[in-house]
Protein backbone atom coordinates (compact mmCIF):
# COMPACT_ATOMS: atom_id res chain seq x y z
CA UNK A 1 126.25 74.14 79.75
CA UNK A 2 123.53 73.63 77.22
CA UNK A 3 122.75 76.45 75.03
CA UNK A 4 119.03 77.86 75.98
CA UNK A 5 117.99 77.22 72.31
CA UNK A 6 117.71 73.85 73.01
CA UNK A 7 115.20 74.40 76.13
CA UNK A 8 113.16 76.98 73.65
CA UNK A 9 113.40 74.65 70.85
CA UNK A 10 111.86 71.83 73.30
CA UNK A 11 108.91 74.00 74.13
CA UNK A 12 108.26 74.42 70.71
CA UNK A 13 107.72 71.29 69.86
CA UNK A 14 105.30 70.42 72.55
CA UNK A 15 102.81 73.08 71.76
CA UNK A 16 99.92 71.29 73.80
CA UNK A 17 101.60 70.72 77.11
CA UNK A 18 103.61 73.93 76.75
CA UNK A 19 100.67 75.89 76.32
CA UNK A 20 98.65 73.93 79.05
CA UNK A 21 101.17 74.49 81.64
CA UNK A 22 101.62 78.08 80.88
CA UNK A 23 97.92 78.93 81.07
CA UNK A 24 97.78 77.36 84.59
CA UNK A 25 100.67 79.55 85.77
CA UNK A 26 99.24 82.99 83.94
CA UNK A 27 96.02 82.14 86.05
CA UNK A 28 97.80 81.91 89.33
CA UNK A 29 99.96 85.29 88.67
CA UNK A 30 96.72 87.00 87.34
CA UNK A 31 95.24 86.23 90.75
CA UNK A 32 98.23 87.19 93.06
CA UNK A 33 98.87 90.13 90.85
CA UNK A 34 95.26 91.29 91.26
CA UNK A 35 95.08 90.62 94.72
CA UNK A 36 98.39 92.82 95.24
CA UNK A 37 97.07 95.71 92.98
CA UNK A 38 93.50 95.92 94.86
CA UNK A 39 95.61 96.08 98.55
CA UNK A 40 97.71 98.88 96.92
CA UNK A 41 94.67 100.78 95.13
CA UNK A 42 93.10 100.54 98.92
CA UNK A 43 95.91 102.07 100.52
CA UNK A 44 96.18 104.83 97.08
CA UNK A 45 92.82 105.64 97.65
CA UNK A 46 92.22 106.25 101.40
CA UNK A 47 96.34 107.64 101.19
CA UNK A 48 95.32 110.33 99.12
CA UNK A 49 92.24 111.09 101.52
CA UNK A 50 94.31 112.75 104.09
CA UNK A 51 96.73 115.95 104.25
CA UNK A 52 99.65 116.12 106.38
CA UNK A 53 98.73 119.49 107.41
CA UNK A 54 95.21 118.71 108.77
CA UNK A 55 94.25 117.36 111.96
CA UNK A 56 90.89 115.23 112.53
CA UNK A 57 89.31 115.71 116.12
CA UNK A 58 87.11 112.74 117.26
CA UNK A 59 85.44 111.67 120.25
CA UNK A 60 88.26 109.72 122.38
CA UNK A 61 87.57 106.13 122.49
CA UNK A 62 86.25 106.35 118.76
CA UNK A 63 88.20 104.46 116.12
CA UNK A 64 86.24 106.26 113.27
CA UNK A 65 84.18 109.36 112.18
CA UNK A 66 80.81 107.31 112.34
CA UNK A 67 81.14 106.43 115.53
CA UNK A 68 82.27 109.86 116.95
CA UNK A 69 79.92 112.59 117.90
CA UNK A 70 80.39 115.62 120.47
CA UNK A 71 78.94 118.93 120.91
CA UNK A 72 78.73 121.56 118.03
CA UNK A 73 79.82 124.11 120.26
CA UNK A 74 83.58 122.23 121.13
CA UNK A 75 84.27 122.94 117.37
CA UNK A 76 84.76 126.93 117.97
CA UNK A 77 86.96 125.70 120.77
CA UNK A 78 89.09 123.17 118.52
CA UNK A 79 89.48 125.95 116.00
CA UNK A 80 90.71 129.26 118.47
CA UNK A 81 94.42 128.39 118.52
CA UNK A 82 97.23 129.96 116.68
CA UNK A 83 98.32 126.97 115.11
CA UNK A 84 94.92 126.55 113.13
CA UNK A 85 95.24 128.70 109.60
CA UNK A 86 93.06 131.35 108.94
CA UNK A 87 91.48 132.66 105.63
CA UNK A 88 91.45 135.68 103.75
CA UNK A 89 88.60 136.92 105.93
CA UNK A 90 90.36 136.11 109.14
CA UNK A 91 87.86 133.18 110.01
CA UNK A 92 90.03 130.03 110.86
CA UNK A 93 89.82 126.89 108.08
CA UNK A 94 87.87 124.47 109.88
CA UNK A 95 84.86 122.30 109.66
CA UNK A 96 82.64 120.50 111.90
CA UNK A 97 81.39 117.52 110.01
CA UNK A 98 78.22 114.68 110.59
CA UNK A 99 78.95 111.40 109.14
CA UNK A 100 75.91 108.93 108.29
CA UNK A 101 75.60 105.82 106.51
CA UNK A 102 72.01 105.41 104.02
CA UNK A 103 71.05 102.06 102.69
CA UNK A 104 70.69 102.11 98.92
CA UNK A 105 70.06 99.70 96.18
CA UNK A 106 73.51 98.88 93.95
CA UNK A 107 72.78 99.37 90.32
CA UNK A 108 72.69 96.08 88.42
CA UNK A 109 71.68 93.90 90.79
CA UNK A 110 69.35 93.16 93.83
CA UNK A 111 71.96 94.03 96.54
CA UNK A 112 71.84 97.18 98.85
CA UNK A 113 74.78 98.28 100.74
CA UNK A 114 75.66 101.47 102.67
CA UNK A 115 76.33 104.86 101.12
CA UNK A 116 78.44 107.11 103.11
CA UNK A 117 76.60 110.48 103.51
CA UNK A 118 78.60 113.37 104.75
CA UNK A 119 77.30 116.86 106.14
CA UNK A 120 79.43 119.70 105.35
CA UNK A 121 79.14 123.36 106.02
CA UNK A 122 79.48 125.99 103.43
CA UNK A 123 83.29 126.71 103.92
CA UNK A 124 84.24 122.81 102.97
CA UNK A 125 85.89 123.89 99.80
CA UNK A 126 88.23 126.33 101.58
CA UNK A 127 89.38 123.80 103.87
CA UNK A 128 89.48 121.27 101.31
CA UNK A 129 91.26 122.86 98.39
CA UNK A 130 92.17 119.81 96.14
CA UNK A 131 88.12 118.89 95.90
CA UNK A 132 86.58 120.33 92.76
CA UNK A 133 83.46 120.57 90.85
CA UNK A 134 83.76 118.49 87.35
CA UNK A 135 80.01 118.90 86.49
CA UNK A 136 77.14 120.62 87.78
CA UNK A 137 77.62 123.17 90.84
CA UNK A 138 78.21 123.55 94.15
CA UNK A 139 75.10 122.48 96.57
CA UNK A 140 73.72 125.89 98.14
CA UNK A 141 74.13 125.82 101.65
CA UNK A 142 70.99 125.54 103.81
CA UNK A 143 69.17 123.65 100.88
CA UNK A 144 68.23 119.82 99.89
CA UNK A 145 70.83 119.80 97.66
CA UNK A 146 74.10 117.96 97.82
CA UNK A 147 77.09 116.61 95.19
CA UNK A 148 78.27 113.40 94.35
CA UNK A 149 81.83 111.70 94.50
CA UNK A 150 82.96 110.71 91.07
CA UNK A 151 84.07 107.22 91.81
CA UNK A 152 80.84 106.58 93.39
CA UNK A 153 78.63 108.07 90.79
CA UNK A 154 75.93 105.48 88.81
CA UNK A 155 77.06 102.72 91.19
CA UNK A 156 74.04 102.91 93.02
CA UNK A 157 70.27 104.07 92.28
CA UNK A 158 69.77 107.65 91.79
CA UNK A 159 73.31 108.47 92.29
CA UNK A 160 73.60 110.62 89.30
CA UNK A 161 73.71 114.05 88.40
CA UNK A 162 69.83 115.33 88.78
CA UNK A 163 68.75 112.71 90.32
CA UNK A 164 67.00 113.03 94.06
CA UNK A 165 68.45 110.83 96.62
CA UNK A 166 66.42 109.85 99.46
CA UNK A 167 68.19 110.02 103.04
CA UNK A 168 65.23 108.89 105.08
CA UNK A 169 61.71 108.38 104.26
CA UNK A 170 60.15 111.51 103.33
CA UNK A 171 63.47 113.39 102.85
CA UNK A 172 65.58 113.65 99.56
CA UNK A 173 68.38 115.79 98.73
CA UNK A 174 69.03 115.98 94.81
CA UNK A 175 71.99 115.93 92.88
CA UNK A 176 73.60 119.19 91.67
CA UNK A 177 77.24 118.29 90.83
CA UNK A 178 80.09 115.94 90.56
CA UNK A 179 83.26 116.20 92.45
CA UNK A 180 86.65 115.16 92.23
CA UNK A 181 89.62 114.74 94.62
CA UNK A 182 92.52 113.43 93.27
CA UNK A 183 91.00 109.74 93.59
CA UNK A 184 90.40 110.14 97.25
CA UNK A 185 88.15 108.27 99.71
CA UNK A 186 85.67 111.28 99.26
CA UNK A 187 84.68 110.35 95.88
CA UNK A 188 82.98 107.42 97.16
CA UNK A 189 80.84 109.94 99.35
CA UNK A 190 77.74 112.31 98.71
CA UNK A 191 78.04 115.48 100.67
CA UNK A 192 74.97 117.75 101.95
CA UNK A 193 74.45 120.47 103.92
CA UNK A 194 75.11 119.53 107.77
CA UNK A 195 71.92 121.16 108.58
CA UNK A 196 69.95 119.01 106.75
CA UNK A 197 71.68 115.80 107.79
CA UNK A 198 71.21 117.12 111.33
CA UNK A 199 67.55 117.41 110.74
CA UNK A 200 66.89 114.18 108.62
CA UNK A 201 68.90 112.13 111.39
CA UNK A 202 68.05 114.03 114.22
CA UNK A 203 71.64 114.79 115.07
CA UNK A 204 70.70 118.58 116.11
CA UNK A 205 73.63 120.03 118.14
CA UNK A 206 76.27 117.78 117.66
CA UNK A 207 79.00 116.77 115.18
CA UNK A 208 80.82 113.73 114.30
CA UNK A 209 84.29 115.01 113.99
CA UNK A 210 86.42 118.45 113.31
CA UNK A 211 89.04 119.30 110.69
CA UNK A 212 91.40 121.71 111.05
CA UNK A 213 94.28 123.02 108.31
CA UNK A 214 96.88 123.89 110.39
CA UNK A 215 99.45 126.69 109.42
CA UNK A 216 102.00 123.93 108.47
CA UNK A 217 102.46 120.63 108.97
CA UNK A 218 104.88 120.72 111.68
CA UNK A 219 102.24 122.83 113.54
CA UNK A 220 100.33 119.70 114.48
CA UNK A 221 101.89 118.41 118.04
CA UNK A 222 100.90 121.98 118.99
CA UNK A 223 97.48 121.61 118.00
CA UNK A 224 97.23 118.05 119.12
CA UNK A 225 98.68 118.63 122.72
CA UNK A 226 96.27 121.97 123.04
CA UNK A 227 92.89 119.89 122.11
CA UNK A 228 93.88 116.51 124.13
CA UNK A 229 95.03 118.86 127.09
CA UNK A 230 91.74 120.48 127.59
CA UNK A 231 89.84 117.72 129.62
CA UNK A 232 86.62 119.54 128.98
CA UNK A 233 86.65 118.54 125.63
CA UNK A 234 87.25 114.74 125.91
CA UNK A 235 88.54 114.34 122.12
CA UNK A 236 91.26 113.06 120.68
CA UNK A 237 93.59 114.10 117.41
CA UNK A 238 94.96 112.41 114.39
CA UNK A 239 97.07 113.60 111.44
CA UNK A 240 94.58 113.26 108.66
CA UNK A 241 97.25 111.10 106.74
CA UNK A 242 97.79 108.23 109.55
CA UNK A 243 94.09 108.38 110.41
CA UNK A 244 93.21 107.36 106.65
CA UNK A 245 95.87 104.91 106.73
CA UNK A 246 94.88 103.30 109.71
CA UNK A 247 91.47 103.41 108.09
CA UNK A 248 93.12 101.07 105.24
CA UNK A 249 94.68 98.50 107.29
CA UNK A 250 92.11 96.06 108.08
CA UNK A 251 90.60 96.30 104.51
CA UNK A 252 93.93 95.91 102.57
CA UNK A 253 94.80 93.10 105.08
CA UNK A 254 91.86 91.26 104.71
CA UNK A 255 92.42 91.77 100.28
CA UNK A 256 96.02 90.24 100.91
CA UNK A 257 95.31 87.32 102.98
CA UNK A 258 92.10 86.27 100.79
CA UNK A 259 94.56 86.74 97.44
CA UNK A 260 97.04 85.12 98.63
CA UNK A 261 95.16 82.26 100.38
CA UNK A 262 93.44 81.77 96.59
CA UNK A 263 96.92 82.09 94.87
CA UNK A 264 98.44 79.45 97.19
CA UNK A 265 95.95 77.14 96.40
CA UNK A 266 96.41 77.64 92.30
CA UNK A 267 99.90 77.85 92.43
CA UNK A 268 99.80 73.80 93.92
CA UNK A 269 97.43 73.19 90.95
CA UNK A 270 100.04 75.32 88.47
CA UNK A 271 102.76 73.69 89.54
CA UNK A 272 101.69 69.95 89.45
CA UNK A 273 100.86 70.77 85.68
CA UNK A 274 104.51 72.21 85.33
CA UNK A 275 105.32 68.90 86.88
CA UNK A 276 103.48 66.68 84.63
CA UNK A 277 104.98 68.69 81.39
CA UNK A 278 108.28 68.22 82.55
CA UNK A 279 107.75 64.46 83.55
CA UNK A 280 106.55 64.04 80.17
CA UNK A 281 109.22 66.16 78.02
CA UNK A 282 111.82 64.04 80.06
CA UNK A 283 110.08 60.41 79.23
CA UNK A 284 110.15 61.35 75.43
CA UNK A 285 113.93 62.56 75.31
CA UNK A 286 115.51 59.83 76.89
CA UNK A 287 117.75 59.29 73.69
CA UNK A 288 118.62 63.02 73.91
CA UNK A 289 119.46 62.77 77.42
CA UNK A 290 121.87 60.29 76.63
CA UNK A 291 123.44 61.87 73.59
CA UNK A 292 124.24 64.89 76.06
CA UNK A 293 125.72 62.59 78.39
CA UNK A 294 127.91 61.03 75.73
CA UNK A 295 128.83 64.36 74.49
CA UNK A 296 130.31 65.13 77.70
CA UNK A 297 127.74 67.03 79.41
CA UNK A 298 127.92 66.62 83.39
CA UNK A 299 124.72 65.53 85.43
CA UNK A 300 124.66 68.95 86.57
CA UNK A 301 124.28 70.59 83.27
CA UNK A 302 121.52 67.88 82.81
CA UNK A 303 119.84 68.89 85.88
CA UNK A 304 120.26 72.89 85.30
CA UNK A 305 119.12 72.69 81.54
CA UNK A 306 115.53 70.91 82.59
CA UNK A 307 115.25 73.66 85.52
CA UNK A 308 116.10 76.48 83.05
CA UNK A 309 113.20 74.99 81.03
CA UNK A 310 110.85 74.74 83.65
CA UNK A 311 111.54 78.34 84.95
CA UNK A 312 111.16 79.61 81.19
CA UNK A 313 107.81 77.90 80.89
CA UNK A 314 106.72 79.68 84.28
CA UNK A 315 108.15 82.96 83.19
CA UNK A 316 106.16 82.66 79.89
CA UNK A 317 103.07 81.93 82.08
CA UNK A 318 103.63 84.74 84.78
CA UNK A 319 104.39 87.72 81.79
CA UNK A 320 101.01 86.43 80.34
CA UNK A 321 99.19 86.76 83.90
CA UNK A 322 100.97 90.36 84.49
CA UNK A 323 99.88 91.47 81.29
CA UNK A 324 96.33 90.57 81.92
CA UNK A 325 96.27 91.86 85.41
CA UNK A 326 97.42 95.19 83.94
CA UNK A 327 93.65 95.20 82.52
CA UNK A 328 92.43 95.72 85.72
CA UNK A 329 93.98 99.22 86.07
CA UNK A 330 90.75 100.60 84.36
CA UNK A 331 88.54 98.49 86.40
CA UNK A 332 86.67 100.13 89.44
CA UNK A 333 86.13 97.92 92.29
CA UNK A 334 83.61 98.60 95.51
CA UNK A 335 83.91 96.85 98.84
CA UNK A 336 82.45 97.41 102.11
CA UNK A 337 84.95 99.37 104.10
CA UNK A 338 85.01 97.60 107.71
CA UNK A 339 86.03 101.10 109.37
CA UNK A 340 83.01 103.27 108.05
CA UNK A 341 80.49 100.62 107.16
CA UNK A 342 79.97 102.21 103.80
CA UNK A 343 80.55 101.25 100.21
CA UNK A 344 84.05 102.94 98.90
CA UNK A 345 85.35 102.83 95.34
CA UNK A 346 89.01 101.47 94.53
CA UNK A 347 91.23 100.74 91.30
CA UNK A 348 93.36 98.17 90.95
CA UNK A 349 96.77 99.75 91.41
CA UNK A 350 99.92 98.21 89.18
CA UNK A 351 103.32 99.22 90.30
CA UNK A 352 107.00 97.62 89.26
CA UNK A 353 107.35 96.18 92.41
CA UNK A 354 104.04 93.93 92.11
CA UNK A 355 104.74 92.98 88.60
CA UNK A 356 108.78 92.26 89.94
CA UNK A 357 107.22 90.12 93.03
CA UNK A 358 104.52 88.26 90.16
CA UNK A 359 106.99 87.30 88.01
CA UNK A 360 109.66 85.49 90.90
CA UNK A 361 106.58 83.94 91.96
CA UNK A 362 106.15 82.44 88.70
CA UNK A 363 109.71 81.26 88.43
CA UNK A 364 109.60 80.01 91.96
CA UNK A 365 106.55 77.93 90.86
CA UNK A 366 108.66 76.78 87.34
CA UNK A 367 111.85 75.82 89.63
CA UNK A 368 109.92 73.70 92.64
CA UNK A 369 107.82 72.00 89.56
CA UNK A 370 110.42 71.28 87.73
CA UNK A 371 112.86 70.26 90.06
CA UNK A 372 111.95 66.23 90.08
CA UNK A 373 111.46 65.86 86.64
CA UNK A 374 115.11 67.38 86.39
CA UNK A 375 116.81 65.39 88.52
CA UNK A 376 115.26 62.09 86.89
CA UNK A 377 116.75 63.24 83.60
CA UNK A 378 120.18 64.53 85.49
CA UNK A 379 120.21 60.77 86.93
CA UNK A 380 119.48 58.86 83.86
CA UNK A 381 122.04 55.98 83.09
CA UNK A 382 123.80 57.50 79.51
CA UNK A 383 123.66 53.70 78.14
CA UNK A 384 120.20 53.26 79.27
CA UNK A 385 119.11 56.70 77.86
CA UNK A 386 120.87 55.94 74.52
CA UNK A 387 118.56 52.69 74.41
CA UNK A 388 115.46 54.75 75.38
CA UNK A 389 114.83 52.93 78.03
């Protein structure tokens, strides 16, 4: 086989064409990795939102909390079972909540989008122990106060600590605290007192969903059977982790498909660029190829040599593309969640698997783009090649 140093020296000798091909492949890999990282970020964000020991109850036939509603009186029936965990005071750890959306102006643009408002009772922090206030304080029950998720903070007008948010015309709440929940989807919400939401949006006597913290994750089946078998309720139960996994599917699929389509179109251009670079390389190295054949190297060795050179060119571009995509790890990106029709904030989440897939994709582009030029080099007649023809 021809030494690899021959390939690296050849790439270094043609700096302009090499740099152009590397840049094209780096751009494709950057787009591909970014779309995969965003898809993973969506899964991670909504995946962190659920707990396996929490059951979420919505109206039968509803696919999300936003489209669900049922009588407030049913919450007591839902939480009365022995499979529901009790707090230190002996009361069941569960909540009935109301979900609505409000149209708000986005910061830095003329655009508007929906922000999800969650009406919560005063025991919400006992049911969600992972939620904690990082700035300010908790909202006082029964008041026009609210707390704001860390991720959506500052992304809309007035969504900042100490600001007032207009729920509806003539009804506002003041943000008194900022909360975190390990990067979950709750951090893209505004939490208000449940009675404040009821009054502002005319939702008296109903809830959108109920949540029950169970004695253990294994108690879920018992809880589900008890609630769904009660025909008076007309409700369905999902494990919270499974509920949010379903919520992420449509959005993650949209991002993955869109990113893949863009990457495919870009990759066609990158492969053409690699092909042009390698054809130019072969055209300027006829004498070298003839010399290699005269030294006893086979056609297969010549073919392999030029394929390795093309793959090396692509891998360099892939490495730059992956490095560029890693910088997106600190970027927050908001999109409309099709399940809730409200804005939700994600981060790009890099993983070793994503980087590995991106590098493999770059190598494939290099091999495909370099095959025909490599084949041309391998088929050159040694005599004609030595003449430079």
